[in-house]
Amino acid sequence: MWPFFKPVQAKAQAPATAPAGVTAEHLLRRLEWTVLRRLDGLLQGDYRTLLRGTGMDLADLREYQHHDDVRHIDWNVTARQAVPHVRVFTEDREMAAWFLLDLSPSVDFGSGASAKRELATEFVAVLARLLTRHGNRVGALLYGHGVDRVLPARSSRLHVLQLLHAMQNRPPATTGATRLQDLLQAGATTVRRRSTVFVVSDFISEPGWQKPLGQLAQRHEVVAVRLFDPMELDLPDLGLLPMRDAETGEQVLIDTGDAAFRRRFSQVAAQRETELRQALAGAGVDTLELSTADNLVEALLRFTELRRRRSQRLPAHMKALPA
């Protein structure tokens, strides 16, 4: 249970609202100058690798080839021909991206200069603005204790500002277990047309979210954006430290100077890491891991390069169209 507890002194105690004076406009303008300008030069128009996927218009049928997506197998034709066949789709040039945002209390934690919530806000700001500038629409579902806000998919800078404002100006966080499956099921109900779906969460949740995530990935191109803080993986020697479970409010006093305790903490954290990565891989989703200690530009470039390599291994009909 230890990796779920956070130091009381850390940002787990910070309010969910944005710091005074940091408006959505100020944040977006800063990111446009410091992050988006760099990405424009480094991506060189290859932003569509972030939206890799196929459209919903059936164009043709052909025999299955190695590396084809098994989800596109047409079982009726396969049974008649006794040879596996896959559906070939025509890709939409204008696509929609949806953000399923876990803004439960545990994302308020951060051991350094920023909390996971701030990291999530910056990630959404950069991706949403990058995509809307090229004519793509973005929408969002916001989860606190239940899905309490849905923003329909639209394409404009004003819409991105409205999304950031909704993320920044949340009611104060309260304790309570997170049910990530509720957010995923709401996403499956809300997002009807095939889209790229970014599930932004620290994945600290009650069990049961793996199946809804896999079901969502059967219809959409899903990216799990996993937020974490380095202290959640490796606890330093800080002496006696009061810790609070951001989800339940339970508090304990621990001795981080105890080397055996720190080893046990690291073992439990490593086990959870392994189980989480296995669950995400089993759901058939790509994963972007974002640390509060990360450089956002470098993390996005690493992820884009990963998707570019995978796209190069796909048959030509499944590759993203040029911008």
Protein backbone atom coordinates (compact mmCIF):
# COMPACT_ATOMS: atom_id res chain seq x y z
CA MET A 1 0.00 0.00 0.00
CA TRP A 2 2.91 2.36 0.60
CA PRO A 3 3.31 3.81 -2.92
CA PHE A 4 -0.21 5.23 -2.58
CA PHE A 5 0.77 7.36 0.43
CA LYS A 6 2.15 10.85 -0.16
CA PRO A 7 4.11 13.17 2.16
CA VAL A 8 1.80 15.64 3.88
CA GLN A 9 4.19 18.52 3.19
CA ALA A 10 4.16 17.90 -0.55
CA LYS A 11 1.74 19.31 -3.08
CA ALA A 12 -0.83 16.71 -2.25
CA GLN A 13 -2.13 19.41 0.10
CA ALA A 14 -2.22 22.12 -2.52
CA PRO A 15 -5.59 23.35 -3.78
CA ALA A 16 -6.84 22.06 -7.10
CA THR A 17 -7.30 25.55 -8.54
CA ALA A 18 -4.60 27.34 -10.50
CA PRO A 19 -2.13 29.61 -8.67
CA ALA A 20 -3.20 33.22 -8.43
CA GLY A 21 -2.49 35.11 -11.64
CA VAL A 22 -1.80 32.00 -13.75
CA THR A 23 -4.77 32.13 -16.09
CA ALA A 24 -5.44 29.73 -18.94
CA GLU A 25 -4.43 32.47 -21.38
CA HIS A 26 -1.10 33.06 -19.61
CA LEU A 27 -0.36 29.35 -19.45
CA LEU A 28 -1.18 28.71 -23.10
CA ARG A 29 0.78 31.74 -24.29
CA ARG A 30 3.83 30.61 -22.29
CA LEU A 31 3.62 27.07 -23.69
CA GLU A 32 3.17 28.38 -27.23
CA TRP A 33 6.45 30.24 -26.90
CA THR A 34 8.48 27.72 -24.92
CA VAL A 35 7.17 24.33 -26.06
CA LEU A 36 5.09 24.56 -29.23
CA ARG A 37 7.71 26.63 -31.09
CA ARG A 38 10.33 23.96 -30.36
CA LEU A 39 8.01 21.12 -31.36
CA ASP A 40 7.13 22.85 -34.63
CA GLY A 41 10.78 22.83 -35.61
CA LEU A 42 11.59 19.35 -34.33
CA LEU A 43 8.49 17.51 -35.57
CA GLN A 44 8.76 19.11 -39.04
CA GLY A 45 5.07 18.59 -39.77
CA ASP A 46 5.04 14.99 -38.52
CA TYR A 47 2.51 15.75 -35.80
CA ARG A 48 0.09 13.24 -37.36
CA THR A 49 2.09 10.38 -35.87
CA LEU A 50 0.35 11.42 -32.64
CA LEU A 51 -2.96 10.57 -34.32
CA ARG A 52 -1.94 7.31 -35.96
CA GLY A 53 -4.99 5.27 -36.78
CA THR A 54 -7.54 4.48 -39.45
CA GLY A 55 -10.87 5.98 -40.36
CA MET A 56 -14.24 4.25 -40.37
CA ASP A 57 -14.94 4.17 -44.13
CA LEU A 58 -14.49 0.64 -45.52
CA ALA A 59 -12.48 0.79 -48.75
CA ASP A 60 -11.50 -2.80 -49.57
CA LEU A 61 -10.76 -6.32 -48.33
CA ARG A 62 -7.48 -8.17 -48.76
CA GLU A 63 -5.61 -11.16 -47.37
CA TYR A 64 -4.12 -10.81 -43.89
CA GLN A 65 -0.41 -9.91 -43.78
CA HIS A 66 2.13 -9.99 -40.98
CA HIS A 67 1.82 -6.91 -38.68
CA ASP A 68 -1.83 -6.32 -39.67
CA ASP A 69 -4.11 -5.35 -36.81
CA VAL A 70 -6.07 -8.50 -35.89
CA ARG A 71 -8.99 -6.28 -34.88
CA HIS A 72 -9.57 -5.59 -38.59
CA ILE A 73 -10.02 -9.24 -39.57
CA ASP A 74 -13.34 -9.84 -41.35
CA TRP A 75 -14.37 -13.16 -39.88
CA ASN A 76 -17.25 -13.76 -42.30
CA VAL A 77 -15.02 -13.44 -45.36
CA THR A 78 -12.28 -15.42 -43.60
CA ALA A 79 -14.70 -18.29 -42.99
CA ARG A 80 -15.90 -18.31 -46.62
CA GLN A 81 -12.44 -18.11 -48.17
CA ALA A 82 -10.64 -20.27 -45.55
CA VAL A 83 -7.91 -17.59 -45.62
CA PRO A 84 -7.72 -14.67 -43.16
CA HIS A 85 -8.87 -11.38 -44.69
CA VAL A 86 -8.73 -7.88 -43.20
CA ARG A 87 -10.80 -4.78 -43.84
CA VAL A 88 -9.00 -1.81 -45.41
CA PHE A 89 -10.24 1.59 -44.27
CA THR A 90 -9.99 5.05 -45.75
CA GLU A 91 -8.42 7.38 -43.21
CA ASP A 92 -10.01 10.69 -42.30
CA ARG A 93 -7.75 13.69 -42.89
CA GLU A 94 -9.48 15.62 -40.12
CA MET A 95 -9.60 13.54 -36.96
CA ALA A 96 -10.87 14.08 -33.46
CA ALA A 97 -8.82 13.64 -30.31
CA TRP A 98 -10.37 13.17 -26.89
CA PHE A 99 -8.75 13.62 -23.48
CA LEU A 100 -10.10 11.44 -20.67
CA LEU A 101 -8.74 13.34 -17.68
CA ASP A 102 -8.32 11.78 -14.26
CA LEU A 103 -8.27 14.77 -11.89
CA SER A 104 -8.81 12.78 -8.71
CA PRO A 105 -6.99 13.81 -5.49
CA SER A 106 -3.89 11.67 -6.08
CA VAL A 107 -2.83 13.78 -9.09
CA ASP A 108 -2.34 16.78 -6.79
CA PHE A 109 0.90 15.22 -5.56
CA GLY A 110 4.33 16.48 -6.56
CA SER A 111 7.61 16.20 -4.66
CA GLY A 112 9.41 18.84 -6.75
CA ALA A 113 8.57 22.06 -8.51
CA SER A 114 5.33 20.79 -10.07
CA ALA A 115 2.50 18.38 -9.29
CA LYS A 116 1.07 15.71 -11.55
CA ARG A 117 -2.01 17.89 -12.11
CA GLU A 118 0.14 20.73 -13.47
CA LEU A 119 1.97 18.28 -15.72
CA ALA A 120 -1.36 16.98 -17.03
CA THR A 121 -2.56 20.53 -17.72
CA GLU A 122 0.59 21.41 -19.67
CA PHE A 123 0.42 18.18 -21.66
CA VAL A 124 -3.21 18.80 -22.62
CA ALA A 125 -2.48 22.43 -23.50
CA VAL A 126 0.37 21.49 -25.84
CA LEU A 127 -1.37 18.55 -27.53
CA ALA A 128 -4.72 20.29 -27.86
CA ARG A 129 -3.21 23.43 -29.38
CA LEU A 130 -0.89 21.44 -31.64
CA LEU A 131 -3.83 19.46 -33.02
CA THR A 132 -6.39 22.26 -33.31
CA ARG A 133 -3.96 24.44 -35.25
CA HIS A 134 -4.05 21.78 -37.98
CA GLY A 135 -7.83 21.59 -38.13
CA ASN A 136 -8.38 18.64 -35.80
CA ARG A 137 -11.04 18.75 -33.12
CA VAL A 138 -10.41 18.03 -29.43
CA GLY A 139 -12.86 17.16 -26.68
CA ALA A 140 -12.52 16.13 -23.05
CA LEU A 141 -14.14 14.30 -20.15
CA LEU A 142 -13.09 15.46 -16.68
CA TYR A 143 -13.20 13.07 -13.74
CA GLY A 144 -13.04 14.07 -10.08
CA HIS A 145 -15.30 11.75 -8.15
CA GLY A 146 -17.27 10.71 -11.17
CA VAL A 147 -17.33 12.33 -14.61
CA ASP A 148 -18.49 15.84 -13.80
CA ARG A 149 -17.69 17.74 -17.02
CA VAL A 150 -17.83 16.94 -20.74
CA LEU A 151 -16.47 19.35 -23.34
CA PRO A 152 -17.55 18.46 -26.90
CA ALA A 153 -14.91 18.15 -29.62
CA ARG A 154 -14.21 21.48 -31.31
CA SER A 155 -11.33 23.12 -33.13
CA SER A 156 -10.27 26.57 -32.00
CA ARG A 157 -7.84 28.30 -29.69
CA LEU A 158 -10.79 29.56 -27.64
CA HIS A 159 -11.94 25.98 -27.11
CA VAL A 160 -8.47 25.01 -25.86
CA LEU A 161 -8.60 27.91 -23.40
CA GLN A 162 -12.00 26.74 -22.16
CA LEU A 163 -10.58 23.27 -21.60
CA LEU A 164 -7.58 24.62 -19.66
CA HIS A 165 -9.84 26.86 -17.59
CA ALA A 166 -12.00 23.84 -16.70
CA MET A 167 -8.90 21.91 -15.61
CA GLN A 168 -7.45 24.75 -13.58
CA ASN A 169 -10.61 25.84 -11.80
CA ARG A 170 -11.72 22.64 -10.17
CA PRO A 171 -13.57 22.42 -6.85
CA PRO A 172 -11.31 21.59 -3.86
CA ALA A 173 -10.17 17.98 -3.86
CA THR A 174 -11.86 15.66 -1.40
CA THR A 175 -10.91 12.16 -0.37
CA GLY A 176 -12.44 9.06 -1.86
CA ALA A 177 -11.35 6.07 -3.91
CA THR A 178 -10.84 6.65 -7.64
CA ARG A 179 -12.82 4.47 -10.05
CA LEU A 180 -10.99 4.91 -13.32
CA GLN A 181 -13.36 2.45 -14.97
CA ASP A 182 -16.15 5.03 -14.63
CA LEU A 183 -14.16 7.51 -16.72
CA LEU A 184 -13.33 4.88 -19.36
CA GLN A 185 -16.93 3.68 -19.61
CA ALA A 186 -18.15 7.27 -19.93
CA GLY A 187 -15.60 7.79 -22.70
CA ALA A 188 -16.86 4.74 -24.57
CA THR A 189 -20.42 6.10 -24.37
CA THR A 190 -19.54 9.67 -25.30
CA VAL A 191 -16.97 9.17 -28.08
CA ARG A 192 -18.97 7.53 -30.85
CA ARG A 193 -16.84 8.09 -33.94
CA ARG A 194 -13.39 6.52 -34.13
CA SER A 195 -10.90 8.93 -32.56
CA THR A 196 -7.55 9.13 -30.85
CA VAL A 197 -8.19 8.96 -27.11
CA PHE A 198 -5.61 10.11 -24.57
CA VAL A 199 -6.29 8.64 -21.11
CA VAL A 200 -4.39 10.99 -18.79
CA SER A 201 -4.07 9.47 -15.33
CA ASP A 202 -1.67 8.25 -12.66
CA PHE A 203 -3.64 4.97 -12.76
CA ILE A 204 -3.96 4.93 -8.96
CA SER A 205 -7.42 3.48 -8.89
CA GLU A 206 -9.64 0.74 -7.61
CA PRO A 207 -9.23 -2.48 -9.65
CA GLY A 208 -11.44 -3.08 -12.65
CA TRP A 209 -10.24 -0.48 -15.17
CA GLN A 210 -8.26 -2.88 -17.38
CA LYS A 211 -11.26 -4.42 -19.17
CA PRO A 212 -12.95 -1.07 -20.02
CA LEU A 213 -9.60 0.23 -21.30
CA GLY A 214 -9.23 -2.77 -23.59
CA GLN A 215 -12.79 -2.37 -24.83
CA LEU A 216 -12.15 1.31 -25.56
CA ALA A 217 -9.03 0.35 -27.53
CA GLN A 218 -11.04 -2.00 -29.71
CA ARG A 219 -12.89 0.95 -31.23
CA HIS A 220 -10.43 3.84 -30.86
CA GLU A 221 -6.71 4.54 -31.05
CA VAL A 222 -5.95 4.80 -27.32
CA VAL A 223 -2.86 6.30 -25.69
CA ALA A 224 -2.36 5.89 -21.95
CA VAL A 225 -0.61 9.00 -20.63
CA ARG A 226 0.68 7.79 -17.28
CA LEU A 227 1.59 10.54 -14.78
CA PHE A 228 4.00 9.81 -11.95
CA ASP A 229 6.40 11.44 -9.51
CA PRO A 230 9.91 10.05 -8.81
CA MET A 231 9.17 9.82 -5.07
CA GLU A 232 6.40 7.34 -5.84
CA LEU A 233 9.07 4.91 -7.04
CA ASP A 234 12.01 5.56 -4.74
CA LEU A 235 11.62 7.08 -1.28
CA PRO A 236 14.64 9.12 -0.11
CA ASP A 237 15.91 9.36 3.46
CA LEU A 238 13.91 12.28 4.88
CA GLY A 239 13.74 11.16 8.52
CA LEU A 240 10.35 11.01 10.22
CA LEU A 241 7.73 11.92 7.66
CA PRO A 242 3.94 12.24 8.00
CA MET A 243 2.21 10.77 4.96
CA ARG A 244 -1.39 10.91 3.78
CA ASP A 245 -3.28 8.77 1.31
CA ALA A 246 -4.70 11.34 -1.10
CA GLU A 247 -7.49 8.95 -2.05
CA THR A 248 -8.76 7.98 1.43
CA GLY A 249 -7.32 10.65 3.73
CA GLU A 250 -5.61 8.08 5.98
CA GLN A 251 -2.46 9.43 7.65
CA VAL A 252 0.57 7.60 9.02
CA LEU A 253 3.96 8.60 10.43
CA ILE A 254 6.88 6.69 8.93
CA ASP A 255 10.63 6.63 9.46
CA THR A 256 12.24 7.07 6.06
CA GLY A 257 15.62 6.76 7.72
CA ASP A 258 14.94 3.03 8.06
CA ALA A 259 16.83 1.43 5.15
CA ALA A 260 14.77 -1.76 5.36
CA PHE A 261 11.55 0.24 5.07
CA ARG A 262 12.87 2.10 2.01
CA ARG A 263 13.84 -1.19 0.37
CA ARG A 264 10.37 -2.59 1.03
CA PHE A 265 8.82 0.58 -0.38
CA SER A 266 10.89 0.27 -3.56
CA GLN A 267 9.99 -3.42 -3.92
CA VAL A 268 6.26 -2.72 -3.64
CA ALA A 269 6.57 0.21 -6.06
CA ALA A 270 8.51 -1.91 -8.56
CA GLN A 271 5.91 -4.66 -8.37
CA ARG A 272 3.13 -2.17 -9.01
CA GLU A 273 5.11 -0.75 -11.97
CA THR A 274 5.42 -4.20 -13.50
CA GLU A 275 1.73 -4.99 -13.01
CA LEU A 276 0.67 -1.62 -14.42
CA ARG A 277 2.80 -1.94 -17.55
CA GLN A 278 1.54 -5.48 -18.11
CA ALA A 279 -2.05 -4.28 -17.75
CA LEU A 280 -1.54 -1.44 -20.26
CA ALA A 281 0.20 -3.74 -22.74
CA GLY A 282 -2.55 -6.32 -22.30
CA ALA A 283 -5.17 -3.68 -23.14
CA GLY A 284 -3.40 -3.05 -26.47
CA VAL A 285 -2.66 0.65 -25.91
CA ASP A 286 0.45 2.76 -26.47
CA THR A 287 1.84 4.32 -23.29
CA LEU A 288 3.45 7.71 -22.78
CA GLU A 289 5.03 7.99 -19.33
CA LEU A 290 5.31 11.53 -17.98
CA SER A 291 7.27 12.27 -14.83
CA THR A 292 6.99 15.52 -12.90
CA ALA A 293 10.79 15.66 -13.35
CA ASP A 294 10.53 15.27 -17.16
CA ASN A 295 11.10 17.78 -19.90
CA LEU A 296 7.78 17.81 -21.74
CA VAL A 297 9.32 18.47 -25.17
CA GLU A 298 11.76 15.58 -24.86
CA ALA A 299 9.03 13.22 -23.61
CA LEU A 300 6.76 14.07 -26.55
CA LEU A 301 9.60 13.64 -29.03
CA ARG A 302 10.45 10.21 -27.60
CA PHE A 303 6.83 9.17 -27.91
CA THR A 304 6.49 10.53 -31.45
CA GLU A 305 9.60 8.63 -32.52
CA LEU A 306 8.17 5.42 -31.04
CA ARG A 307 4.92 5.84 -32.99
CA ARG A 308 6.83 6.74 -36.16
CA ARG A 309 8.82 3.50 -35.96
CA ARG A 310 5.65 1.49 -35.45
CA SER A 311 3.95 3.28 -38.34
CA GLN A 312 6.87 2.39 -40.61
CA ARG A 313 6.30 -1.28 -39.82
CA LEU A 314 2.62 -1.09 -40.81
CA PRO A 315 1.35 -1.77 -44.36
CA ALA A 316 1.02 1.36 -46.49
CA HIS A 317 -2.79 1.50 -46.26
CA MET A 318 -2.62 1.81 -42.45
CA LYS A 319 -0.07 4.64 -42.28
CA ALA A 320 -1.20 8.16 -41.41
CA LEU A 321 -1.80 10.52 -44.31
CA PRO A 322 0.62 13.47 -44.61
CA ALA A 323 -0.45 16.77 -43.13
